[in-house]
């Protein structure tokens, strides 16, 4: 079985610059990077694309575009214009996925918030298809992600993507945000054909307010079972390490990257061993 692509999210190394991220992630032997737009724009999009190529890093995704419900103070037109710019930036970076957040429900009804998001996706998808970029929506736990999106479960996200007949509209599954979802492993297996990216983190409990993610293997999420289930269901995309929270921000990033790589390799070894066992 092909080894899946491992990436480090630039939010994991929040204090580092774009250039430091590229250098240190490459030195750690990790092949992928999930690019945060703020760091990219500060460094320069064209310059950033060249730097990642120089270090041999594959961008797995660009984050993020959105806010179409007006929750961050922008008009719908402004958010849409920024979304189109983000697609062009992803194409220049050669990142195959652009993460897209709807914006919070805010003062809207759920139906109106959904209509706004569907309208935005309808405008963005032709450009995404033209550039070969997948737009990926992300469901979030309501106690932690309500300001970002009204999508609260994998089922919500799948239902929304089915409104469009497009292979360029997919889902990001962040296991931290999905902590507490009923029958999570079975839900992930069902969602596997719809996934553009899987984000890994550990946690001791479901999200509540500010992120409190833990290094892989140090919490209560069944990460080994999750990875095994996704692989058995046919998911062949990248796995992105996204760690945030006070403990993470104050940690030694280099040590965190090395630990993440080691734990991920151990998980993958376990899944391949399980797959190679003879049928009973």
Protein backbone atom coordinates (compact mmCIF):
# COMPACT_ATOMS: atom_id res chain seq x y z
CA UNK A 1 0.00 0.00 0.00
CA UNK A 2 1.29 3.44 -0.95
CA UNK A 3 2.54 5.53 1.97
CA UNK A 4 0.17 8.51 2.42
CA UNK A 5 1.51 12.03 2.14
CA UNK A 6 2.17 13.69 5.50
CA UNK A 7 1.96 17.47 5.83
CA UNK A 8 2.47 20.01 8.58
CA UNK A 9 -0.04 22.85 8.80
CA UNK A 10 1.54 26.29 9.11
CA UNK A 11 -0.82 27.07 11.99
CA UNK A 12 0.99 24.35 13.95
CA UNK A 13 4.16 26.45 13.74
CA UNK A 14 2.35 29.74 14.29
CA UNK A 15 5.38 31.71 15.53
CA UNK A 16 7.65 30.71 12.65
CA UNK A 17 7.89 32.64 9.41
CA UNK A 18 6.99 31.15 6.03
CA UNK A 19 10.68 30.69 5.25
CA UNK A 20 11.43 29.01 8.58
CA UNK A 21 8.45 26.69 8.11
CA UNK A 22 9.72 25.54 4.73
CA UNK A 23 13.28 25.00 5.93
CA UNK A 24 12.45 23.18 9.17
CA UNK A 25 9.66 21.00 7.75
CA UNK A 26 11.88 19.90 4.87
CA UNK A 27 14.79 19.23 7.24
CA UNK A 28 12.49 17.01 9.34
CA UNK A 29 11.90 14.81 6.30
CA UNK A 30 8.22 15.71 5.99
CA UNK A 31 7.15 15.98 2.33
CA UNK A 32 4.03 18.16 2.60
CA UNK A 33 2.91 21.53 3.91
CA UNK A 34 -0.53 23.07 4.41
CA UNK A 35 -0.09 26.74 3.62
CA UNK A 36 -1.75 29.50 5.62
CA UNK A 37 -2.63 32.45 3.39
CA UNK A 38 -1.54 35.08 5.89
CA UNK A 39 2.01 33.74 6.01
CA UNK A 40 2.05 33.25 2.25
CA UNK A 41 0.87 36.77 1.43
CA UNK A 42 3.29 38.29 3.94
CA UNK A 43 6.15 36.41 2.27
CA UNK A 44 4.90 36.83 -1.32
CA UNK A 45 2.92 34.30 -3.33
CA UNK A 46 5.32 33.89 -6.26
CA UNK A 47 8.33 33.90 -3.96
CA UNK A 48 6.62 31.37 -1.66
CA UNK A 49 5.85 29.01 -4.53
CA UNK A 50 9.51 29.08 -5.59
CA UNK A 51 10.71 28.50 -2.02
CA UNK A 52 8.53 25.42 -1.55
CA UNK A 53 9.74 24.06 -4.88
CA UNK A 54 13.33 24.70 -3.82
CA UNK A 55 12.83 22.68 -0.62
CA UNK A 56 10.89 19.94 -2.42
CA UNK A 57 7.76 20.52 -0.34
CA UNK A 58 4.36 19.65 -1.78
CA UNK A 59 1.55 22.06 -0.79
CA UNK A 60 -1.44 19.88 0.11
CA UNK A 61 -3.84 22.79 0.64
CA UNK A 62 -4.20 26.53 1.08
CA UNK A 63 -6.28 27.99 3.92
CA UNK A 64 -8.60 29.72 3.73
CA UNK A 65 -11.31 31.69 1.91
CA UNK A 66 -14.86 32.39 3.06
CA UNK A 67 -16.97 34.54 5.33
CA UNK A 68 -19.82 34.64 2.82
CA UNK A 69 -22.47 35.14 5.51
CA UNK A 70 -20.95 38.50 6.48
CA UNK A 71 -19.89 37.27 9.90
CA UNK A 72 -16.44 38.86 9.65
CA UNK A 73 -17.75 42.23 8.55
CA UNK A 74 -17.14 41.84 4.81
CA UNK A 75 -19.86 42.11 2.23
CA UNK A 76 -20.82 39.07 0.19
CA UNK A 77 -19.20 40.65 -2.87
CA UNK A 78 -15.93 41.29 -1.00
CA UNK A 79 -15.81 37.72 0.32
CA UNK A 80 -16.53 36.38 -3.16
CA UNK A 81 -13.77 38.51 -4.69
CA UNK A 82 -11.33 37.27 -2.05
CA UNK A 83 -12.40 33.69 -2.74
CA UNK A 84 -11.56 34.09 -6.42
CA UNK A 85 -8.17 35.56 -5.50
CA UNK A 86 -7.54 32.59 -3.17
CA UNK A 87 -8.25 30.15 -6.00
CA UNK A 88 -5.70 31.94 -8.18
CA UNK A 89 -3.18 31.90 -5.32
CA UNK A 90 -3.73 28.16 -4.80
CA UNK A 91 -3.16 27.59 -8.52
CA UNK A 92 0.06 29.62 -8.48
CA UNK A 93 1.22 27.67 -5.44
CA UNK A 94 0.15 24.39 -7.09
CA UNK A 95 -1.88 23.53 -4.00
CA UNK A 96 -4.65 21.16 -5.11
CA UNK A 97 -7.11 22.14 -2.34
CA UNK A 98 -8.50 25.45 -1.09
CA UNK A 99 -10.26 25.26 2.28
CA UNK A 100 -13.47 27.29 2.27
CA UNK A 101 -15.46 28.37 5.34
CA UNK A 102 -19.03 29.58 5.03
CA UNK A 103 -18.89 32.09 7.86
CA UNK A 104 -21.10 31.84 10.92
CA UNK A 105 -24.86 31.70 10.82
CA UNK A 106 -24.85 35.06 12.61
CA UNK A 107 -28.25 36.71 12.57
CA UNK A 108 -29.42 34.67 9.58
CA UNK A 109 -31.71 31.70 9.59
CA UNK A 110 -29.90 28.45 8.83
CA UNK A 111 -31.64 28.29 5.45
CA UNK A 112 -30.52 31.80 4.49
CA UNK A 113 -26.95 31.18 5.62
CA UNK A 114 -26.97 28.01 3.52
CA UNK A 115 -28.34 29.92 0.51
CA UNK A 116 -25.55 32.49 0.77
CA UNK A 117 -22.90 29.77 0.94
CA UNK A 118 -24.42 27.82 -1.95
CA UNK A 119 -24.54 31.00 -4.01
CA UNK A 120 -20.86 31.67 -3.30
CA UNK A 121 -19.85 28.12 -4.16
CA UNK A 122 -21.83 28.34 -7.39
CA UNK A 123 -19.81 31.42 -8.33
CA UNK A 124 -16.44 29.97 -7.28
CA UNK A 125 -16.67 26.43 -8.64
CA UNK A 126 -16.30 27.31 -12.35
CA UNK A 127 -13.05 29.16 -11.60
CA UNK A 128 -11.86 26.34 -9.34
CA UNK A 129 -12.60 23.79 -12.09
CA UNK A 130 -10.77 25.94 -14.61
CA UNK A 131 -7.66 25.99 -12.42
CA UNK A 132 -7.95 22.35 -11.30
CA UNK A 133 -8.49 23.30 -7.64
CA UNK A 134 -10.77 21.43 -5.25
CA UNK A 135 -12.79 23.59 -2.87
CA UNK A 136 -13.09 21.84 0.49
CA UNK A 137 -15.67 22.76 3.13
CA UNK A 138 -15.00 21.94 6.78
CA UNK A 139 -17.57 20.94 9.39
CA UNK A 140 -16.72 22.12 12.91
CA UNK A 141 -17.88 21.33 16.41
CA UNK A 142 -20.59 23.89 17.33
CA UNK A 143 -18.88 24.75 20.64
CA UNK A 144 -15.66 25.75 18.88
CA UNK A 145 -16.38 26.53 15.24
CA UNK A 146 -19.66 28.47 15.21
CA UNK A 147 -17.89 31.69 14.21
CA UNK A 148 -16.40 29.92 11.18
CA UNK A 149 -19.22 27.80 9.79
CA UNK A 150 -22.77 26.57 10.28
CA UNK A 151 -21.71 23.07 9.15
CA UNK A 152 -21.59 21.00 12.34
CA UNK A 153 -21.17 17.41 11.15
CA UNK A 154 -19.87 15.29 8.31
CA UNK A 155 -23.49 14.61 7.33
CA UNK A 156 -24.14 18.37 7.03
CA UNK A 157 -21.07 18.80 4.81
CA UNK A 158 -21.91 15.82 2.59
CA UNK A 159 -25.47 17.05 2.13
CA UNK A 160 -24.19 20.47 1.07
CA UNK A 161 -21.61 19.14 -1.42
CA UNK A 162 -24.27 16.97 -3.05
CA UNK A 163 -26.07 20.15 -4.10
CA UNK A 164 -23.44 20.45 -6.85
CA UNK A 165 -22.49 17.92 -9.46
CA UNK A 166 -18.79 18.72 -9.24
CA UNK A 167 -15.72 16.66 -8.44
CA UNK A 168 -14.11 19.94 -7.37
CA UNK A 169 -16.24 20.33 -4.24
CA UNK A 170 -15.04 18.16 -1.36
CA UNK A 171 -14.72 18.08 2.44
CA UNK A 172 -11.91 18.57 4.97
CA UNK A 173 -12.26 16.16 7.90
CA UNK A 174 -10.54 17.61 10.97
CA UNK A 175 -10.71 14.82 13.56
CA UNK A 176 -10.34 17.34 16.40
CA UNK A 177 -13.43 19.21 15.26
CA UNK A 178 -15.27 15.90 14.87
CA UNK A 179 -14.46 14.69 18.41
CA UNK A 180 -17.73 13.56 19.97
CA UNK A 181 -19.53 12.89 16.69
CA UNK A 182 -21.60 9.74 17.13
CA UNK A 183 -20.10 6.66 15.43
CA UNK A 184 -17.18 8.79 14.23
CA UNK A 185 -15.19 5.98 12.64
CA UNK A 186 -18.18 4.70 10.67
CA UNK A 187 -19.07 8.25 9.65
CA UNK A 188 -15.53 8.81 8.38
CA UNK A 189 -15.62 5.59 6.37
CA UNK A 190 -18.87 6.70 4.71
CA UNK A 191 -17.41 10.14 4.06
CA UNK A 192 -14.13 8.84 2.58
CA UNK A 193 -15.15 9.32 -1.10
CA UNK A 194 -16.02 12.96 -0.35
CA UNK A 195 -12.77 13.87 1.43
CA UNK A 196 -10.07 16.11 -0.03
CA UNK A 197 -7.96 16.23 3.13
CA UNK A 198 -7.81 14.73 6.62
CA UNK A 199 -6.43 16.78 9.50
CA UNK A 200 -4.97 15.04 12.54
CA UNK A 201 -4.63 16.21 16.12
CA UNK A 202 -5.26 14.67 19.51
CA UNK A 203 -7.41 15.89 22.39
CA UNK A 204 -8.64 14.92 25.84
CA UNK A 205 -12.19 16.11 25.20
CA UNK A 206 -14.44 17.60 22.56
CA UNK A 207 -13.63 21.21 21.55
CA UNK A 208 -14.91 23.94 23.85
CA UNK A 209 -14.13 27.53 22.84
CA UNK A 210 -10.41 28.11 22.28
CA UNK A 211 -8.54 25.20 20.66
CA UNK A 212 -6.81 22.79 23.01
CA UNK A 213 -5.21 20.33 20.62
CA UNK A 214 -2.64 17.84 21.85
CA UNK A 215 0.33 16.15 20.13
CA UNK A 216 -0.56 12.94 18.33
CA UNK A 217 -0.91 10.02 20.72
CA UNK A 218 -1.19 12.11 23.88
CA UNK A 219 -5.00 12.36 24.03
CA UNK A 220 -8.12 10.24 23.76
CA UNK A 221 -8.89 10.32 20.04
CA UNK A 222 -8.59 6.84 18.45
CA UNK A 223 -6.14 8.03 15.81
CA UNK A 224 -4.87 4.59 14.83
CA UNK A 225 -8.40 3.31 14.27
CA UNK A 226 -9.34 6.48 12.37
CA UNK A 227 -6.40 6.20 9.97
CA UNK A 228 -6.95 2.46 9.47
CA UNK A 229 -10.66 3.00 8.77
CA UNK A 230 -10.04 5.78 6.27
CA UNK A 231 -7.40 3.78 4.42
CA UNK A 232 -9.63 0.69 4.31
CA UNK A 233 -12.45 2.86 2.93
CA UNK A 234 -10.23 3.96 0.04
CA UNK A 235 -8.98 7.37 1.21
CA UNK A 236 -5.62 7.98 -0.47
CA UNK A 237 -5.22 11.70 0.17
CA UNK A 238 -2.86 13.57 2.46
CA UNK A 239 -2.89 13.68 6.25
CA UNK A 240 -2.29 17.17 7.65
CA UNK A 241 -1.04 17.74 11.21
CA UNK A 242 -2.90 20.77 12.59
CA UNK A 243 -2.06 21.52 16.23
CA UNK A 244 -3.16 24.68 18.04
CA UNK A 245 -3.68 25.87 21.59
CA UNK A 246 -1.73 27.47 24.41
CA UNK A 247 0.34 24.37 25.16
CA UNK A 248 1.19 23.92 21.47
CA UNK A 249 2.05 27.60 20.95
CA UNK A 250 4.55 27.48 23.82
CA UNK A 251 6.12 24.19 22.78
CA UNK A 252 9.33 23.42 20.90
CA UNK A 253 8.07 23.34 17.32
CA UNK A 254 10.96 21.28 16.00
CA UNK A 255 10.41 18.63 18.64
CA UNK A 256 6.68 18.69 17.92
CA UNK A 257 7.26 18.14 14.19
CA UNK A 258 9.66 15.28 14.84
CA UNK A 259 7.23 13.65 17.30
CA UNK A 260 4.36 14.04 14.82
CA UNK A 261 6.36 12.41 12.05
CA UNK A 262 7.39 9.51 14.29
CA UNK A 263 3.86 8.88 15.55
CA UNK A 264 2.37 9.12 12.08
CA UNK A 265 4.90 6.65 10.69
CA UNK A 266 4.07 4.32 13.56
CA UNK A 267 0.33 4.61 12.81
CA UNK A 268 0.90 3.88 9.15
CA UNK A 269 3.03 0.87 10.00
CA UNK A 270 0.20 -0.46 12.15
CA UNK A 271 -2.37 0.00 9.40
CA UNK A 272 -0.22 -1.70 6.76
CA UNK A 273 0.47 -4.61 9.13
CA UNK A 274 -3.24 -5.01 9.75
CA UNK A 275 -3.97 -4.92 6.02
CA UNK A 276 -1.35 -7.57 5.29
CA UNK A 277 -2.70 -10.10 7.77
CA UNK A 278 -4.23 -13.17 6.12
CA UNK A 279 -8.01 -13.46 6.18
CA UNK A 280 -9.34 -15.71 8.93
